[in-house]
N, C-alpha and C. Protein backbone atom coordinates (compact mmCIF):
# COMPACT_ATOMS: atom_id res chain seq x y z
N UNK A 1 0.83 -1.04 0.25
CA UNK A 1 0.29 -0.24 -0.37
C UNK A 1 0.78 1.34 -0.13
N UNK A 2 1.68 1.56 0.71
CA UNK A 2 2.94 2.14 0.77
C UNK A 2 2.96 3.36 -0.90
N UNK A 3 3.48 2.24 -1.65
CA UNK A 3 3.85 2.71 -3.06
C UNK A 3 2.23 3.67 -3.50
N UNK A 4 1.30 3.54 -3.15
CA UNK A 4 -0.16 4.16 -3.74
C UNK A 4 -0.46 5.44 -2.84
N UNK A 5 0.04 5.70 -1.49
CA UNK A 5 -0.31 6.46 -0.59
C UNK A 5 -0.94 7.65 -0.99
N UNK A 6 -0.19 8.21 -2.57
CA UNK A 6 -1.18 9.95 -2.40
C UNK A 6 -2.52 8.90 -3.00
N UNK A 7 -2.07 8.33 -4.23
CA UNK A 7 -3.34 7.95 -4.31
C UNK A 7 -4.37 7.15 -3.36
N UNK A 8 -4.51 6.69 -2.48
CA UNK A 8 -5.79 6.13 -1.40
C UNK A 8 -5.53 7.44 -0.02
N UNK A 9 -4.88 8.02 -0.02
CA UNK A 9 -5.21 8.81 0.37
C UNK A 9 -6.58 10.42 -0.22
N UNK A 10 -6.69 10.59 -1.58
CA UNK A 10 -7.62 10.75 -2.13
C UNK A 10 -8.61 9.97 -2.35
N UNK A 11 -8.79 8.03 -2.34
CA UNK A 11 -9.52 8.07 -2.49
C UNK A 11 -10.13 7.60 -1.49
N UNK A 12 -9.96 7.65 -0.04
CA UNK A 12 -10.23 7.28 1.06
C UNK A 12 -10.91 8.36 1.31
N UNK A 13 -10.90 9.31 1.33
CA UNK A 13 -11.43 10.92 1.14
C UNK A 13 -12.37 11.14 0.21
N UNK A 14 -11.96 10.90 -1.34
CA UNK A 14 -13.68 11.03 -2.03
C UNK A 14 -14.74 10.14 -1.94
N UNK A 15 -13.96 8.53 -1.55
CA UNK A 15 -15.16 7.61 -1.93
C UNK A 15 -15.51 7.48 -0.71
N UNK A 16 -15.27 7.49 0.31
CA UNK A 16 -15.81 7.26 1.77
C UNK A 16 -15.87 8.35 2.84
N UNK A 17 -15.21 9.07 2.65
CA UNK A 17 -14.40 10.04 3.24
C UNK A 17 -14.84 10.48 4.99
N UNK A 18 -12.94 9.22 4.88
CA UNK A 18 -12.01 8.62 5.61
C UNK A 18 -10.84 9.28 5.46
N UNK A 19 -10.52 9.50 6.86
CA UNK A 19 -8.95 9.56 6.08
C UNK A 19 -7.95 8.47 6.19
N UNK A 20 -7.19 8.28 4.68
CA UNK A 20 -6.07 7.27 5.31
C UNK A 20 -5.38 6.85 6.20
N UNK A 21 -4.75 7.38 6.76
CA UNK A 21 -4.16 7.94 7.65
C UNK A 21 -4.75 7.25 9.60
N UNK A 22 -5.80 7.16 9.35
CA UNK A 22 -6.58 6.97 10.61
C UNK A 22 -6.90 5.40 10.76
N UNK A 23 -6.29 4.55 9.97
CA UNK A 23 -7.23 3.67 9.64
C UNK A 23 -5.67 2.49 9.03
N UNK A 24 -6.55 1.09 9.14
CA UNK A 24 -5.12 0.21 8.33
C UNK A 24 -6.16 -0.01 7.83
N UNK A 25 -4.85 -0.22 6.35
CA UNK A 25 -4.97 -0.48 4.90
C UNK A 25 -4.10 -2.08 4.65
N UNK A 26 -4.83 -2.94 4.86
CA UNK A 26 -3.03 -3.89 3.61
C UNK A 26 -3.62 -4.17 2.50
N UNK A 27 -2.72 -5.00 2.21
CA UNK A 27 -3.23 -5.36 0.66
C UNK A 27 -3.73 -6.26 0.07
N UNK A 28 -4.39 -7.07 1.10
CA UNK A 28 -5.64 -7.05 1.44
C UNK A 28 -6.47 -7.60 1.29
N UNK A 29 -7.10 -5.75 2.06
CA UNK A 29 -8.20 -5.16 2.12
C UNK A 29 -9.26 -5.19 1.01
N UNK A 30 -10.18 -5.02 0.67
CA UNK A 30 -11.02 -4.83 -0.62
C UNK A 30 -12.35 -3.39 -0.21
N UNK A 31 -12.99 -3.41 -1.32
CA UNK A 31 -14.19 -2.81 -1.68
C UNK A 31 -14.86 -3.12 -0.81
N UNK A 32 -14.95 -5.15 -0.78
CA UNK A 32 -15.82 -5.32 0.40
C UNK A 32 -16.02 -5.29 2.25
N UNK A 33 -14.87 -4.55 2.43
CA UNK A 33 -14.43 -4.05 4.06
C UNK A 33 -15.43 -3.35 3.84
N UNK A 34 -15.91 -2.13 2.90
CA UNK A 34 -16.11 -1.39 3.00
C UNK A 34 -17.21 -0.81 2.37
N UNK A 35 -18.25 -1.88 2.07
CA UNK A 35 -19.09 -2.00 1.58
C UNK A 35 -19.73 -3.14 1.21
N UNK A 36 -21.04 -3.47 1.66
CA UNK A 36 -21.17 -4.59 2.08
C UNK A 36 -22.70 -5.12 1.47
N UNK A 37 -23.45 -4.22 0.24
CA UNK A 37 -24.54 -4.52 -0.09
C UNK A 37 -23.79 -4.42 -1.81
N UNK A 38 -24.33 -4.96 -2.65
CA UNK A 38 -24.54 -4.54 -4.77
C UNK A 38 -24.60 -3.22 -4.61
N UNK A 39 -25.98 -2.68 -4.02
CA UNK A 39 -25.83 -1.17 -3.86
C UNK A 39 -25.01 -0.57 -4.17
N UNK A 40 -23.76 -0.53 -2.71
CA UNK A 40 -22.98 0.40 -2.27
C UNK A 40 -21.82 0.19 -3.10
N UNK A 41 -21.69 -1.48 -3.51
CA UNK A 41 -21.04 -1.26 -4.69
C UNK A 41 -20.64 -0.56 -5.95
N UNK A 42 -22.25 -0.79 -6.14
CA UNK A 42 -22.49 -0.12 -7.75
C UNK A 42 -22.01 1.39 -7.65
N UNK A 43 -23.10 2.14 -5.96
CA UNK A 43 -22.23 3.40 -6.13
C UNK A 43 -21.27 3.85 -6.54
N UNK A 44 -20.46 2.98 -5.97
CA UNK A 44 -18.74 3.22 -5.27
C UNK A 44 -18.07 2.62 -7.08
N UNK A 45 -18.56 2.21 -7.65
CA UNK A 45 -17.99 2.16 -8.75
C UNK A 45 -18.26 2.84 -9.96
N UNK A 46 -19.63 3.69 -9.41
CA UNK A 46 -19.94 4.56 -10.66
C UNK A 46 -18.77 5.90 -10.31
N UNK A 47 -19.34 6.11 -8.93
CA UNK A 47 -18.43 7.10 -8.47
C UNK A 47 -16.35 7.45 -8.88
N UNK A 48 -15.90 6.35 -8.65
CA UNK A 48 -15.14 5.80 -9.06
C UNK A 48 -14.57 5.96 -10.52
N UNK A 49 -15.30 5.56 -11.65
CA UNK A 49 -15.12 6.04 -12.42
C UNK A 49 -15.51 7.57 -13.12
N UNK A 50 -16.91 8.27 -12.18
CA UNK A 50 -16.79 9.81 -12.72
C UNK A 50 -15.91 10.54 -12.28
N UNK A 51 -14.70 10.21 -11.05
CA UNK A 51 -13.11 10.89 -10.61
C UNK A 51 -12.22 10.96 -11.03
N UNK A 52 -12.11 9.04 -11.36
CA UNK A 52 -10.48 8.37 -12.14
C UNK A 52 -10.72 8.30 -13.86
N UNK A 53 -12.08 7.70 -13.81
CA UNK A 53 -12.28 7.86 -15.43
C UNK A 53 -11.80 5.55 -15.29
N UNK A 54 -12.19 4.87 -14.36
CA UNK A 54 -11.73 3.53 -14.96
C UNK A 54 -12.73 3.20 -14.52
N UNK A 55 -12.75 2.24 -15.04
CA UNK A 55 -13.84 0.54 -14.76
C UNK A 55 -12.98 -0.39 -13.90
N UNK A 56 -13.95 -0.80 -12.59
CA UNK A 56 -13.00 -1.51 -11.29
C UNK A 56 -13.86 -3.07 -11.39
N UNK A 57 -15.17 -2.85 -11.72
CA UNK A 57 -16.28 -4.44 -12.30
C UNK A 57 -15.45 -5.14 -11.92
N UNK A 58 -14.81 -5.06 -12.89
CA UNK A 58 -14.38 -6.67 -14.29
C UNK A 58 -13.27 -7.25 -13.05
N UNK A 59 -12.35 -6.13 -11.72
CA UNK A 59 -11.58 -6.87 -10.82
C UNK A 59 -11.98 -7.66 -10.70
N UNK A 60 -11.31 -9.12 -10.48
CA UNK A 60 -11.26 -9.97 -9.03
C UNK A 60 -10.75 -10.14 -7.95
N UNK A 61 -11.60 -9.91 -6.84
CA UNK A 61 -11.71 -9.59 -5.33
C UNK A 61 -11.15 -8.43 -5.03
N UNK A 62 -11.71 -7.32 -5.96
CA UNK A 62 -11.60 -5.68 -5.67
C UNK A 62 -10.76 -5.11 -4.45
N UNK A 63 -9.50 -5.42 -4.91
CA UNK A 63 -8.96 -5.14 -3.44
C UNK A 63 -7.78 -3.91 -3.57
N UNK A 64 -8.54 -2.81 -2.77
CA UNK A 64 -8.34 -1.35 -2.72
C UNK A 64 -6.64 -1.46 -3.44
N UNK A 65 -5.80 -1.60 -3.71
CA UNK A 65 -4.24 -1.73 -3.32
C UNK A 65 -4.45 -1.82 -5.28
N UNK A 66 -5.23 -2.84 -5.98
CA UNK A 66 -5.75 -3.18 -7.55
C UNK A 66 -5.95 -1.99 -7.99
N UNK A 67 -6.85 -0.85 -7.48
CA UNK A 67 -7.92 -0.31 -7.63
C UNK A 67 -6.83 0.90 -7.67
N UNK A 68 -6.03 0.80 -6.97
CA UNK A 68 -4.98 2.25 -6.47
C UNK A 68 -4.56 2.12 -7.87
N UNK A 69 -3.64 1.00 -8.04
CA UNK A 69 -2.53 0.90 -9.43
C UNK A 69 -3.40 0.85 -10.29
N UNK A 70 -4.51 0.90 -10.98
CA UNK A 70 -5.72 0.97 -11.80
C UNK A 70 -5.90 2.36 -12.30
N UNK A 71 -5.72 3.47 -11.11
CA UNK A 71 -6.05 4.30 -11.09
C UNK A 71 -4.99 4.88 -11.64
N UNK A 72 -3.92 5.13 -11.08
CA UNK A 72 -2.61 5.49 -10.90
C UNK A 72 -2.27 5.32 -12.51
N UNK A 73 -2.76 3.51 -13.00
CA UNK A 73 -2.36 3.62 -14.67
C UNK A 73 -3.61 4.35 -16.12
N UNK A 74 -4.65 4.59 -14.85
CA UNK A 74 -4.91 4.90 -15.86
C UNK A 74 -5.46 7.27 -15.92
N UNK A 75 -5.26 7.64 -14.82
CA UNK A 75 -5.00 8.51 -15.47
C UNK A 75 -3.76 9.46 -14.97
N UNK A 76 -2.18 8.91 -14.74
CA UNK A 76 -0.91 9.09 -14.91
C UNK A 76 -0.91 9.62 -13.50
N UNK A 77 -1.18 9.82 -12.37
CA UNK A 77 -0.69 10.28 -10.85
C UNK A 77 0.31 9.56 -10.98
N UNK A 78 1.49 10.04 -10.31
CA UNK A 78 3.34 9.53 -10.53
C UNK A 78 3.53 10.08 -8.86
């Protein structure tokens, strides 16, 4: 997760109104840890596409680290 810190800070603030530095997020943390229903997931899928311009529905496991990697690759954050 450390290599995606800047993306993670923005991601958690924008999607969940949470401070990344006030929680524990590992390489195994997934969207399912924050979204307990399909409706919640669908809402976050839309919001991620709206903010970052990337689709994540096709991602196996929906691990946060993989989503952040796709965001970095998709919009060129360095």
